[in-house]
Amino acid sequence: MYFNSKDRRPVFFLVFLLLISTGGCNSLKGSKPLLPIKEYEKMIVGNLYADYVGTQNCLAACHEHDVLRQHFDVSTMGTQLTKESGMPLVDCESCHGPGSLAIKDLSPERVEQDGLKGIKTVCDYKTLIDLENLPAPAQSLTCLKCHSANATFNLHNWNASSHSQNDVSCFNCHNVHTSPDLKVTPINTGKMCFQCHQSAQVEFTLPSHHPLNEGRIFCIDCHDPHGNTSELLRKDDLRETCLQCHPEIRGPFVFAHADVMEDCMNCHSPHGSVNNNLLNAREPFLCLQCHEGHNITAPDGSLISSAAARAYFSRCTDCHSKIHGSDIPSTSGKGSFTQ
């Protein structure tokens, strides 16, 4: 059958489209990450030339790490090394990467000779992942491989937290080798947090302060170190956090102090203050930032001149004692937070 030049063009065009579509299908079959892989994510893969050999093979000969092993065995992670625990299996290689190269030269003969010489046999730990020198995101990602979503601890908000964004890693607060319980006890959170939050430490020493140093409250009562808000608050906002301990000011009130109901920090410093009741400024100067001063009148309505000056320089709460809100109007019927 004969085709002229005009007839061949549609055929070539169809073949060209077929080749393109076939190449496109092959590219779709390739394995690609859902998101771009960052450099720090590659760091936690471990040595690609090493194989996984199991914890017992890693620790059987390397006696340099005997103390670390003892500490780890009694930790909450160590209990997961046994199948009887019923928990997800965790071992040394889960964090340190495949260990076959680290123990490659550790023969029973060498271990015996080292023992006769009083030497603790050391593995080639440089072939393992250098966890201590990883960037903070990579250190945290090592932990988040297990501690995310519905795993042991729900840390799916960590990447959005102010701690994570400021390059604080799990390693800054937790050491998996030194304690039976990897959690930081509430009474120790203050000392740990003060390593970075030194300004807060100073505020807790001021004359009026929340009793953290006295051991009656703890940082984690208000803050969630793994949270996703800028202030790492336990609740959705500051007021709800304060109301955990101060429910008497929740309201709603018939006569509500608007600014107070909006944000407690309009009047109070959360950690400590030189003023009584954690106030940002002394009375009446705190109140005079929003309200004009006024004279005091006698019951008959006449001005009490001797007290007029003192009205500007005394405590407003001596008269306006229900400063957060009240359901009962004042004697004038205007609701001045007096009763």
C-alpha atoms as a PDB file:
ATOM      1  CA  MET A   1       0.000   0.000   0.000  1.00  0.00           C
ATOM      2  CA  TYR A   2       1.377   3.389  -0.936  1.00  0.00           C
ATOM      3  CA  PHE A   3       1.304   6.548   1.232  1.00  0.00           C
ATOM      4  CA  ASN A   4       2.243   9.921  -0.158  1.00  0.00           C
ATOM      5  CA  SER A   5       4.128  12.489   1.958  1.00  0.00           C
ATOM      6  CA  LYS A   6       0.931  14.131   3.112  1.00  0.00           C
ATOM      7  CA  ASP A   7      -0.433  10.786   4.332  1.00  0.00           C
ATOM      8  CA  ARG A   8       2.714   9.965   6.405  1.00  0.00           C
ATOM      9  CA  ARG A   9       2.488  13.055   8.647  1.00  0.00           C
ATOM     10  CA  PRO A  10      -0.497  11.914  10.738  1.00  0.00           C
ATOM     11  CA  VAL A  11       1.143   8.492  11.239  1.00  0.00           C
ATOM     12  CA  PHE A  12       4.426   9.986  12.484  1.00  0.00           C
ATOM     13  CA  PHE A  13       2.494  12.311  14.783  1.00  0.00           C
ATOM     14  CA  LEU A  14       0.575   9.417  16.330  1.00  0.00           C
ATOM     15  CA  VAL A  15       3.811   7.427  16.868  1.00  0.00           C
ATOM     16  CA  PHE A  16       5.405  10.452  18.501  1.00  0.00           C
ATOM     17  CA  LEU A  17       2.450  10.843  20.905  1.00  0.00           C
ATOM     18  CA  LEU A  18       2.607   7.121  21.721  1.00  0.00           C
ATOM     19  CA  LEU A  19       6.304   7.349  22.651  1.00  0.00           C
ATOM     20  CA  ILE A  20       5.677  10.351  24.895  1.00  0.00           C
ATOM     21  CA  SER A  21       2.777   8.698  26.669  1.00  0.00           C
ATOM     22  CA  THR A  22       4.797   5.500  27.198  1.00  0.00           C
ATOM     23  CA  GLY A  23       7.689   7.470  28.702  1.00  0.00           C
ATOM     24  CA  GLY A  24       5.281   9.329  30.960  1.00  0.00           C
ATOM     25  CA  CYS A  25       3.833   6.088  32.294  1.00  0.00           C
ATOM     26  CA  ASN A  26       7.307   4.766  33.084  1.00  0.00           C
ATOM     27  CA  SER A  27       8.101   7.895  35.074  1.00  0.00           C
ATOM     28  CA  LEU A  28       4.917   7.429  37.066  1.00  0.00           C
ATOM     29  CA  LYS A  29       6.025   3.950  38.057  1.00  0.00           C
ATOM     30  CA  GLY A  30       9.151   5.332  39.745  1.00  0.00           C
ATOM     31  CA  SER A  31       9.314   5.662  43.526  1.00  0.00           C
ATOM     32  CA  LYS A  32       9.362   9.277  44.645  1.00  0.00           C
ATOM     33  CA  PRO A  33       9.028  10.874  48.095  1.00  0.00           C
ATOM     34  CA  LEU A  34       5.826  12.758  48.831  1.00  0.00           C
ATOM     35  CA  LEU A  35       7.932  15.701  50.006  1.00  0.00           C
ATOM     36  CA  PRO A  36      11.509  16.711  49.133  1.00  0.00           C
ATOM     37  CA  ILE A  37      14.025  14.843  51.277  1.00  0.00           C
ATOM     38  CA  LYS A  38      16.121  17.262  53.309  1.00  0.00           C
ATOM     39  CA  GLU A  39      19.779  16.728  54.080  1.00  0.00           C
ATOM     40  CA  TYR A  40      19.222  16.164  57.791  1.00  0.00           C
ATOM     41  CA  GLU A  41      16.760  13.376  56.959  1.00  0.00           C
ATOM     42  CA  LYS A  42      19.490  11.538  55.084  1.00  0.00           C
ATOM     43  CA  MET A  43      21.758  11.753  58.125  1.00  0.00           C
ATOM     44  CA  ILE A  44      19.614   9.409  60.228  1.00  0.00           C
ATOM     45  CA  VAL A  45      19.624   6.550  57.705  1.00  0.00           C
ATOM     46  CA  GLY A  46      22.999   5.261  58.871  1.00  0.00           C
ATOM     47  CA  ASN A  47      25.834   3.611  56.970  1.00  0.00           C
ATOM     48  CA  LEU A  48      24.486   2.151  53.723  1.00  0.00           C
ATOM     49  CA  TYR A  49      27.273  -0.496  53.710  1.00  0.00           C
ATOM     50  CA  ALA A  50      26.309  -1.861  57.135  1.00  0.00           C
ATOM     51  CA  ASP A  51      23.662  -4.416  58.087  1.00  0.00           C
ATOM     52  CA  TYR A  52      21.422  -4.744  61.128  1.00  0.00           C
ATOM     53  CA  VAL A  53      22.733  -7.386  63.520  1.00  0.00           C
ATOM     54  CA  GLY A  54      20.572  -6.947  66.632  1.00  0.00           C
ATOM     55  CA  THR A  55      21.246  -5.534  70.079  1.00  0.00           C
ATOM     56  CA  GLN A  56      22.689  -8.723  71.594  1.00  0.00           C
ATOM     57  CA  ASN A  57      25.318  -9.010  68.876  1.00  0.00           C
ATOM     58  CA  CYS A  58      26.170  -5.338  69.290  1.00  0.00           C
ATOM     59  CA  LEU A  59      26.626  -5.477  73.060  1.00  0.00           C
ATOM     60  CA  ALA A  60      27.946  -9.009  73.552  1.00  0.00           C
ATOM     61  CA  ALA A  61      31.570  -8.016  72.969  1.00  0.00           C
ATOM     62  CA  CYS A  62      31.684  -4.229  73.329  1.00  0.00           C
ATOM     63  CA  HIS A  63      32.163  -3.913  77.094  1.00  0.00           C
ATOM     64  CA  GLU A  64      32.979  -0.210  76.834  1.00  0.00           C
ATOM     65  CA  HIS A  65      29.249   0.417  76.865  1.00  0.00           C
ATOM     66  CA  ASP A  66      28.354  -1.887  79.770  1.00  0.00           C
ATOM     67  CA  VAL A  67      27.289   0.957  82.078  1.00  0.00           C
ATOM     68  CA  LEU A  68      25.150   2.531  79.377  1.00  0.00           C
ATOM     69  CA  ARG A  69      23.580  -0.846  78.747  1.00  0.00           C
ATOM     70  CA  GLN A  70      22.691  -1.279  82.436  1.00  0.00           C
ATOM     71  CA  HIS A  71      21.054   2.131  82.547  1.00  0.00           C
ATOM     72  CA  PHE A  72      19.185   1.456  79.330  1.00  0.00           C
ATOM     73  CA  ASP A  73      17.952  -1.980  80.458  1.00  0.00           C
ATOM     74  CA  VAL A  74      16.062  -0.432  83.391  1.00  0.00           C
ATOM     75  CA  SER A  75      14.653   2.452  81.346  1.00  0.00           C
ATOM     76  CA  THR A  76      11.191   2.612  79.802  1.00  0.00           C
ATOM     77  CA  MET A  77      12.767   1.985  76.402  1.00  0.00           C
ATOM     78  CA  GLY A  78      14.793  -0.940  77.670  1.00  0.00           C
ATOM     79  CA  THR A  79      11.650  -2.762  78.749  1.00  0.00           C
ATOM     80  CA  GLN A  80      10.577  -2.801  75.108  1.00  0.00           C
ATOM     81  CA  LEU A  81      13.564  -4.917  74.074  1.00  0.00           C
ATOM     82  CA  THR A  82      11.733  -8.062  75.163  1.00  0.00           C
ATOM     83  CA  LYS A  83       8.991  -9.527  73.032  1.00  0.00           C
ATOM     84  CA  GLU A  84       7.050 -10.307  76.205  1.00  0.00           C
ATOM     85  CA  SER A  85       6.477  -6.600  76.774  1.00  0.00           C
ATOM     86  CA  GLY A  86       3.923  -6.487  73.965  1.00  0.00           C
ATOM     87  CA  MET A  87       5.237  -3.055  73.009  1.00  0.00           C
ATOM     88  CA  PRO A  88       6.845  -1.935  69.729  1.00  0.00           C
ATOM     89  CA  LEU A  89      10.339  -3.385  69.519  1.00  0.00           C
ATOM     90  CA  VAL A  90      13.090  -0.851  70.146  1.00  0.00           C
ATOM     91  CA  ASP A  91      16.789  -1.633  70.155  1.00  0.00           C
ATOM     92  CA  CYS A  92      20.155   0.110  69.890  1.00  0.00           C
ATOM     93  CA  GLU A  93      20.075   0.113  66.101  1.00  0.00           C
ATOM     94  CA  SER A  94      16.738   1.917  66.066  1.00  0.00           C
ATOM     95  CA  CYS A  95      18.629   5.100  66.927  1.00  0.00           C
ATOM     96  CA  HIS A  96      22.285   4.369  66.177  1.00  0.00           C
ATOM     97  CA  GLY A  97      21.789   2.748  62.775  1.00  0.00           C
ATOM     98  CA  PRO A  98      23.006  -0.658  61.487  1.00  0.00           C
ATOM     99  CA  GLY A  99      25.931  -1.970  63.517  1.00  0.00           C
ATOM    100  CA  SER A 100      27.616  -4.725  61.514  1.00  0.00           C
ATOM    101  CA  LEU A 101      30.650  -2.572  60.678  1.00  0.00           C
ATOM    102  CA  ALA A 102      31.011  -1.463  64.303  1.00  0.00           C
ATOM    103  CA  ILE A 103      31.545  -5.035  65.542  1.00  0.00           C
ATOM    104  CA  LYS A 104      33.246  -6.436  62.452  1.00  0.00           C
ATOM    105  CA  ASP A 105      36.640  -6.855  64.164  1.00  0.00           C
ATOM    106  CA  LEU A 106      35.323  -7.959  67.576  1.00  0.00           C
ATOM    107  CA  SER A 107      36.209 -11.648  67.641  1.00  0.00           C
ATOM    108  CA  PRO A 108      35.889 -13.792  70.805  1.00  0.00           C
ATOM    109  CA  GLU A 109      39.686 -14.147  70.809  1.00  0.00           C
ATOM    110  CA  ARG A 110      40.204 -10.390  70.882  1.00  0.00           C
ATOM    111  CA  VAL A 111      37.656  -9.966  73.660  1.00  0.00           C
ATOM    112  CA  GLU A 112      39.442 -12.648  75.711  1.00  0.00           C
ATOM    113  CA  GLN A 113      42.857 -11.048  75.168  1.00  0.00           C
ATOM    114  CA  ASP A 114      41.495  -7.621  76.110  1.00  0.00           C
ATOM    115  CA  GLY A 115      40.022  -9.122  79.266  1.00  0.00           C
ATOM    116  CA  LEU A 116      43.391 -10.587  80.296  1.00  0.00           C
ATOM    117  CA  LYS A 117      44.945  -7.160  79.846  1.00  0.00           C
ATOM    118  CA  GLY A 118      42.159  -5.439  81.812  1.00  0.00           C
ATOM    119  CA  ILE A 119      40.998  -3.589  78.727  1.00  0.00           C
ATOM    120  CA  LYS A 120      37.362  -2.971  77.870  1.00  0.00           C
ATOM    121  CA  THR A 121      36.772  -3.985  74.284  1.00  0.00           C
ATOM    122  CA  VAL A 122      35.570  -1.042  72.213  1.00  0.00           C
ATOM    123  CA  CYS A 123      33.567  -1.260  69.005  1.00  0.00           C
ATOM    124  CA  ASP A 124      34.179   0.990  66.012  1.00  0.00           C
ATOM    125  CA  TYR A 125      31.409   3.376  67.060  1.00  0.00           C
ATOM    126  CA  LYS A 126      32.499   5.920  64.448  1.00  0.00           C
ATOM    127  CA  THR A 127      30.700   3.806  61.849  1.00  0.00           C
ATOM    128  CA  LEU A 128      27.405   4.439  63.665  1.00  0.00           C
ATOM    129  CA  ILE A 129      25.231   7.546  63.374  1.00  0.00           C
ATOM    130  CA  ASP A 130      26.915  10.453  65.158  1.00  0.00           C
ATOM    131  CA  LEU A 131      23.809  11.436  67.099  1.00  0.00           C
ATOM    132  CA  GLU A 132      25.429  14.063  69.313  1.00  0.00           C
ATOM    133  CA  ASN A 133      26.692  16.090  66.365  1.00  0.00           C
ATOM    134  CA  LEU A 134      23.555  15.912  64.239  1.00  0.00           C
ATOM    135  CA  PRO A 135      21.642  19.167  63.702  1.00  0.00           C
ATOM    136  CA  ALA A 136      18.686  19.618  66.040  1.00  0.00           C
ATOM    137  CA  PRO A 137      16.009  18.707  63.425  1.00  0.00           C
ATOM    138  CA  ALA A 138      17.788  15.406  62.704  1.00  0.00           C
ATOM    139  CA  GLN A 139      18.117  14.586  66.411  1.00  0.00           C
ATOM    140  CA  SER A 140      14.398  15.155  66.952  1.00  0.00           C
ATOM    141  CA  LEU A 141      13.502  13.207  63.820  1.00  0.00           C
ATOM    142  CA  THR A 142      15.368  10.221  65.267  1.00  0.00           C
ATOM    143  CA  CYS A 143      12.896  10.222  68.164  1.00  0.00           C
ATOM    144  CA  LEU A 144       9.880  11.155  66.061  1.00  0.00           C
ATOM    145  CA  LYS A 145      10.283   8.004  63.993  1.00  0.00           C
ATOM    146  CA  CYS A 146       8.483   6.314  66.888  1.00  0.00           C
ATOM    147  CA  HIS A 147       7.102   9.127  69.048  1.00  0.00           C
ATOM    148  CA  SER A 148       4.609  10.650  66.644  1.00  0.00           C
ATOM    149  CA  ALA A 149       0.969  10.219  65.625  1.00  0.00           C
ATOM    150  CA  ASN A 150      -0.529   7.477  67.807  1.00  0.00           C
ATOM    151  CA  ALA A 151       2.737   6.071  69.131  1.00  0.00           C
ATOM    152  CA  THR A 152       3.757   6.039  72.794  1.00  0.00           C
ATOM    153  CA  PHE A 153       3.648   9.826  73.102  1.00  0.00           C
ATOM    154  CA  ASN A 154       1.544  12.016  70.868  1.00  0.00           C
ATOM    155  CA  LEU A 155       4.109  14.477  69.505  1.00  0.00           C
ATOM    156  CA  HIS A 156       2.569  15.310  66.153  1.00  0.00           C
ATOM    157  CA  ASN A 157       2.611  19.015  67.086  1.00  0.00           C
ATOM    158  CA  TRP A 158       6.350  19.122  67.744  1.00  0.00           C
ATOM    159  CA  ASN A 159       7.460  20.441  64.343  1.00  0.00           C
ATOM    160  CA  ALA A 160       5.150  23.452  64.745  1.00  0.00           C
ATOM    161  CA  SER A 161       6.343  24.262  68.268  1.00  0.00           C
ATOM    162  CA  SER A 162       8.494  27.243  69.160  1.00  0.00           C
ATOM    163  CA  HIS A 163      11.055  24.832  70.632  1.00  0.00           C
ATOM    164  CA  SER A 164      11.476  23.029  67.323  1.00  0.00           C
ATOM    165  CA  GLN A 165      11.606  26.269  65.339  1.00  0.00           C
ATOM    166  CA  ASN A 166      14.398  27.519  67.622  1.00  0.00           C
ATOM    167  CA  ASP A 167      16.501  24.380  67.070  1.00  0.00           C
ATOM    168  CA  VAL A 168      15.790  22.780  70.425  1.00  0.00           C
ATOM    169  CA  SER A 169      15.971  19.013  70.087  1.00  0.00           C
ATOM    170  CA  CYS A 170      14.702  16.127  72.214  1.00  0.00           C
ATOM    171  CA  PHE A 171      18.298  15.557  73.339  1.00  0.00           C
ATOM    172  CA  ASN A 172      18.372  18.911  75.139  1.00  0.00           C
ATOM    173  CA  CYS A 173      15.831  17.671  77.693  1.00  0.00           C
ATOM    174  CA  HIS A 174      15.932  13.857  77.538  1.00  0.00           C
ATOM    175  CA  ASN A 175      18.824  11.415  77.927  1.00  0.00           C
ATOM    176  CA  VAL A 176      17.799   7.861  77.099  1.00  0.00           C
ATOM    177  CA  HIS A 177      20.812   6.303  78.837  1.00  0.00           C
ATOM    178  CA  THR A 178      20.825   7.873  82.280  1.00  0.00           C
ATOM    179  CA  SER A 179      17.491   7.280  83.945  1.00  0.00           C
ATOM    180  CA  PRO A 180      14.981   4.498  84.544  1.00  0.00           C
ATOM    181  CA  ASP A 181      12.265   6.964  83.593  1.00  0.00           C
ATOM    182  CA  LEU A 182      12.957   9.047  80.496  1.00  0.00           C
ATOM    183  CA  LYS A 183      10.336  11.594  81.491  1.00  0.00           C
ATOM    184  CA  VAL A 184      11.487  14.648  83.380  1.00  0.00           C
ATOM    185  CA  THR A 185       9.796  14.736  86.784  1.00  0.00           C
ATOM    186  CA  PRO A 186       7.634  17.833  87.363  1.00  0.00           C
ATOM    187  CA  ILE A 187       9.812  19.106  90.217  1.00  0.00           C
ATOM    188  CA  ASN A 188      12.882  18.985  87.943  1.00  0.00           C
ATOM    189  CA  THR A 189      11.285  20.831  85.048  1.00  0.00           C
ATOM    190  CA  GLY A 190      12.068  24.223  86.577  1.00  0.00           C
ATOM    191  CA  LYS A 191      15.821  23.642  86.704  1.00  0.00           C
ATOM    192  CA  MET A 192      15.775  22.218  83.196  1.00  0.00           C
ATOM    193  CA  CYS A 193      13.704  25.059  81.722  1.00  0.00           C
ATOM    194  CA  PHE A 194      15.816  27.697  83.475  1.00  0.00           C
ATOM    195  CA  GLN A 195      18.865  26.564  81.523  1.00  0.00           C
ATOM    196  CA  CYS A 196      17.404  28.498  78.585  1.00  0.00           C
ATOM    197  CA  HIS A 197      14.681  30.676  80.141  1.00  0.00           C
ATOM    198  CA  GLN A 198      16.867  32.652  82.524  1.00  0.00           C
ATOM    199  CA  SER A 199      14.655  35.743  82.503  1.00  0.00           C
ATOM    200  CA  ALA A 200      11.779  33.635  83.834  1.00  0.00           C
ATOM    201  CA  GLN A 201      14.064  32.285  86.548  1.00  0.00           C
ATOM    202  CA  VAL A 202      14.727  35.842  87.719  1.00  0.00           C
ATOM    203  CA  GLU A 203      11.023  36.694  87.710  1.00  0.00           C
ATOM    204  CA  PHE A 204      10.282  33.760  90.022  1.00  0.00           C
ATOM    205  CA  THR A 205      12.568  35.341  92.636  1.00  0.00           C
ATOM    206  CA  LEU A 206      10.632  38.624  92.771  1.00  0.00           C
ATOM    207  CA  PRO A 207       8.589  39.467  95.917  1.00  0.00           C
ATOM    208  CA  SER A 208       5.273  38.448  94.330  1.00  0.00           C
ATOM    209  CA  HIS A 209       5.571  35.259  92.296  1.00  0.00           C
ATOM    210  CA  HIS A 210       3.866  32.004  91.524  1.00  0.00           C
ATOM    211  CA  PRO A 211       5.192  29.395  94.016  1.00  0.00           C
ATOM    212  CA  LEU A 212       7.352  27.433  91.602  1.00  0.00           C
ATOM    213  CA  ASN A 213      10.518  27.609  93.711  1.00  0.00           C
ATOM    214  CA  GLU A 214       8.458  26.413  96.669  1.00  0.00           C
ATOM    215  CA  GLY A 215       7.444  23.283  94.751  1.00  0.00           C
ATOM    216  CA  ARG A 216       3.713  24.048  94.733  1.00  0.00           C
ATOM    217  CA  ILE A 217       3.390  24.520  90.965  1.00  0.00           C
ATOM    218  CA  PHE A 218       5.540  23.460  88.035  1.00  0.00           C
ATOM    219  CA  CYS A 219       6.328  24.792  84.571  1.00  0.00           C
ATOM    220  CA  ILE A 220       4.337  21.994  82.950  1.00  0.00           C
ATOM    221  CA  ASP A 221       1.182  23.041  84.824  1.00  0.00           C
ATOM    222  CA  CYS A 222       0.904  25.961  82.395  1.00  0.00           C
ATOM    223  CA  HIS A 223       3.198  24.995  79.514  1.00  0.00           C
ATOM    224  CA  ASP A 224       3.318  21.969  77.238  1.00  0.00           C
ATOM    225  CA  PRO A 225       6.961  21.678  76.089  1.00  0.00           C
ATOM    226  CA  HIS A 226       5.848  19.703  73.034  1.00  0.00           C
ATOM    227  CA  GLY A 227       2.931  22.010  72.167  1.00  0.00           C
ATOM    228  CA  ASN A 228       2.329  23.956  68.990  1.00  0.00           C
ATOM    229  CA  THR A 229       1.547  27.476  70.252  1.00  0.00           C
ATOM    230  CA  SER A 230       4.021  30.330  70.487  1.00  0.00           C
ATOM    231  CA  GLU A 231       3.905  30.279  74.303  1.00  0.00           C
ATOM    232  CA  LEU A 232       3.506  26.466  74.515  1.00  0.00           C
ATOM    233  CA  LEU A 233       0.401  26.893  76.669  1.00  0.00           C
ATOM    234  CA  ARG A 234      -1.563  23.920  77.972  1.00  0.00           C
ATOM    235  CA  LYS A 235      -4.866  25.482  76.916  1.00  0.00           C
ATOM    236  CA  ASP A 236      -6.020  27.309  73.809  1.00  0.00           C
ATOM    237  CA  ASP A 237      -5.198  30.748  75.223  1.00  0.00           C
ATOM    238  CA  LEU A 238      -3.655  32.420  78.248  1.00  0.00           C
ATOM    239  CA  ARG A 239      -6.932  33.082  80.064  1.00  0.00           C
ATOM    240  CA  GLU A 240      -8.029  29.453  79.887  1.00  0.00           C
ATOM    241  CA  THR A 241      -4.610  28.441  81.205  1.00  0.00           C
ATOM    242  CA  CYS A 242      -4.973  30.751  84.211  1.00  0.00           C
ATOM    243  CA  LEU A 243      -8.514  29.566  84.903  1.00  0.00           C
ATOM    244  CA  GLN A 244      -7.229  26.073  85.623  1.00  0.00           C
ATOM    245  CA  CYS A 245      -6.246  27.358  89.075  1.00  0.00           C
ATOM    246  CA  HIS A 246      -8.373  30.518  89.299  1.00  0.00           C
ATOM    247  CA  PRO A 247     -11.901  29.362  88.361  1.00  0.00           C
ATOM    248  CA  GLU A 248     -13.563  31.999  90.575  1.00  0.00           C
ATOM    249  CA  ILE A 249     -12.857  34.689  87.976  1.00  0.00           C
ATOM    250  CA  ARG A 250     -14.234  32.757  85.001  1.00  0.00           C
ATOM    251  CA  GLY A 251     -17.675  34.377  84.986  1.00  0.00           C
ATOM    252  CA  PRO A 252     -19.749  35.186  83.062  1.00  0.00           C
ATOM    253  CA  PHE A 253     -20.602  38.288  85.090  1.00  0.00           C
ATOM    254  CA  VAL A 254     -23.447  40.747  84.633  1.00  0.00           C
ATOM    255  CA  PHE A 255     -20.891  43.521  85.086  1.00  0.00           C
ATOM    256  CA  ALA A 256     -17.691  42.230  83.489  1.00  0.00           C
ATOM    257  CA  HIS A 257     -14.380  44.029  83.385  1.00  0.00           C
ATOM    258  CA  ALA A 258     -13.815  43.794  79.631  1.00  0.00           C
ATOM    259  CA  ASP A 259     -10.019  44.025  79.489  1.00  0.00           C
ATOM    260  CA  VAL A 260      -9.634  41.593  82.374  1.00  0.00           C
ATOM    261  CA  MET A 261     -11.908  39.046  80.713  1.00  0.00           C
ATOM    262  CA  GLU A 262      -9.880  39.293  77.507  1.00  0.00           C
ATOM    263  CA  ASP A 263      -6.281  38.853  78.632  1.00  0.00           C
ATOM    264  CA  CYS A 264      -4.959  38.339  82.164  1.00  0.00           C
ATOM    265  CA  MET A 265      -1.586  39.818  81.166  1.00  0.00           C
ATOM    266  CA  ASN A 266      -3.199  43.235  80.721  1.00  0.00           C
ATOM    267  CA  CYS A 267      -2.833  43.535  84.494  1.00  0.00           C
ATOM    268  CA  HIS A 268      -0.728  40.598  85.702  1.00  0.00           C
ATOM    269  CA  SER A 269       2.771  39.259  85.074  1.00  0.00           C
ATOM    270  CA  PRO A 270       2.518  35.456  84.891  1.00  0.00           C
ATOM    271  CA  HIS A 271       5.826  34.542  86.557  1.00  0.00           C
ATOM    272  CA  GLY A 272       6.570  37.246  89.086  1.00  0.00           C
ATOM    273  CA  SER A 273       6.443  40.956  89.855  1.00  0.00           C
ATOM    274  CA  VAL A 274       7.727  43.542  92.324  1.00  0.00           C
ATOM    275  CA  ASN A 275       4.085  44.517  92.885  1.00  0.00           C
ATOM    276  CA  ASN A 276       1.542  42.661  94.991  1.00  0.00           C
ATOM    277  CA  ASN A 277      -0.722  40.095  93.290  1.00  0.00           C
ATOM    278  CA  LEU A 278       1.631  39.840  90.305  1.00  0.00           C
ATOM    279  CA  LEU A 279       0.460  43.246  89.044  1.00  0.00           C
ATOM    280  CA  ASN A 280       2.325  44.914  86.186  1.00  0.00           C
ATOM    281  CA  ALA A 281       2.235  48.241  88.068  1.00  0.00           C
ATOM    282  CA  ARG A 282       1.214  49.414  91.533  1.00  0.00           C
ATOM    283  CA  GLU A 283      -2.252  50.680  92.305  1.00  0.00           C
ATOM    284  CA  PRO A 284      -3.653  53.138  91.457  1.00  0.00           C
ATOM    285  CA  PHE A 285      -1.208  53.661  88.566  1.00  0.00           C
ATOM    286  CA  LEU A 286      -2.192  50.377  86.920  1.00  0.00           C
ATOM    287  CA  CYS A 287      -5.860  51.402  86.869  1.00  0.00           C
ATOM    288  CA  LEU A 288      -5.078  54.990  85.827  1.00  0.00           C
ATOM    289  CA  GLN A 289      -3.590  53.684  82.577  1.00  0.00           C
ATOM    290  CA  CYS A 290      -7.187  53.153  81.414  1.00  0.00           C
ATOM    291  CA  HIS A 291      -9.419  55.008  83.905  1.00  0.00           C
ATOM    292  CA  GLU A 292      -9.526  58.618  85.043  1.00  0.00           C
ATOM    293  CA  GLY A 293      -9.162  59.307  88.743  1.00  0.00           C
ATOM    294  CA  HIS A 294     -12.085  60.622  90.747  1.00  0.00           C
ATOM    295  CA  ASN A 295     -12.812  62.337  94.063  1.00  0.00           C
ATOM    296  CA  ILE A 296     -14.602  60.683  96.951  1.00  0.00           C
ATOM    297  CA  THR A 297     -18.000  61.991  97.977  1.00  0.00           C
ATOM    298  CA  ALA A 298     -19.868  61.668 101.264  1.00  0.00           C
ATOM    299  CA  PRO A 299     -23.217  59.842 101.484  1.00  0.00           C
ATOM    300  CA  ASP A 300     -24.996  63.180 101.143  1.00  0.00           C
ATOM    301  CA  GLY A 301     -23.159  63.816  97.880  1.00  0.00           C
ATOM    302  CA  SER A 302     -20.781  66.473  99.187  1.00  0.00           C
ATOM    303  CA  LEU A 303     -17.079  66.337  98.351  1.00  0.00           C
ATOM    304  CA  ILE A 304     -14.746  65.076 101.056  1.00  0.00           C
ATOM    305  CA  SER A 305     -11.871  67.447 100.494  1.00  0.00           C
ATOM    306  CA  SER A 306      -9.535  65.839 103.002  1.00  0.00           C
ATOM    307  CA  ALA A 307      -9.737  62.561 101.123  1.00  0.00           C
ATOM    308  CA  ALA A 308      -9.735  64.047  97.659  1.00  0.00           C
ATOM    309  CA  ALA A 309      -5.974  63.902  97.260  1.00  0.00           C
ATOM    310  CA  ARG A 310      -5.780  60.426  98.748  1.00  0.00           C
ATOM    311  CA  ALA A 311      -8.320  59.185  96.187  1.00  0.00           C
ATOM    312  CA  TYR A 312      -5.707  59.534  93.477  1.00  0.00           C
ATOM    313  CA  PHE A 313      -2.952  57.817  95.390  1.00  0.00           C
ATOM    314  CA  SER A 314      -4.614  54.917  97.199  1.00  0.00           C
ATOM    315  CA  ARG A 315      -5.555  51.399  96.168  1.00  0.00           C
ATOM    316  CA  CYS A 316      -8.555  51.290  93.851  1.00  0.00           C
ATOM    317  CA  THR A 317      -9.403  47.793  95.051  1.00  0.00           C
ATOM    318  CA  ASP A 318     -10.075  49.117  98.563  1.00  0.00           C
ATOM    319  CA  CYS A 319     -13.438  50.180  97.150  1.00  0.00           C
ATOM    320  CA  HIS A 320     -13.655  48.269  93.851  1.00  0.00           C
ATOM    321  CA  SER A 321     -12.981  44.871  95.394  1.00  0.00           C
ATOM    322  CA  LYS A 322     -14.784  42.823  92.709  1.00  0.00           C
ATOM    323  CA  ILE A 323     -12.344  43.975  90.071  1.00  0.00           C
ATOM    324  CA  HIS A 324     -12.726  40.980  87.760  1.00  0.00           C
ATOM    325  CA  GLY A 325     -16.508  41.220  87.601  1.00  0.00           C
ATOM    326  CA  SER A 326     -19.692  41.280  89.631  1.00  0.00           C
ATOM    327  CA  ASP A 327     -23.327  40.282  89.354  1.00  0.00           C
ATOM    328  CA  ILE A 328     -24.457  42.974  91.818  1.00  0.00           C
ATOM    329  CA  PRO A 329     -24.613  46.657  90.798  1.00  0.00           C
ATOM    330  CA  SER A 330     -23.053  49.397  92.877  1.00  0.00           C
ATOM    331  CA  THR A 331     -25.130  51.761  94.997  1.00  0.00           C
ATOM    332  CA  SER A 332     -25.334  54.045  91.979  1.00  0.00           C
ATOM    333  CA  GLY A 333     -26.745  51.162  89.922  1.00  0.00           C
ATOM    334  CA  LYS A 334     -23.944  51.416  87.374  1.00  0.00           C
ATOM    335  CA  GLY A 335     -21.961  48.324  88.327  1.00  0.00           C
ATOM    336  CA  SER A 336     -18.615  49.746  89.454  1.00  0.00           C
ATOM    337  CA  PHE A 337     -17.276  46.394  90.735  1.00  0.00           C
ATOM    338  CA  THR A 338     -17.794  47.442  94.331  1.00  0.00           C
ATOM    339  CA  GLN A 339     -19.972  44.554  95.612  1.00  0.00           C
END
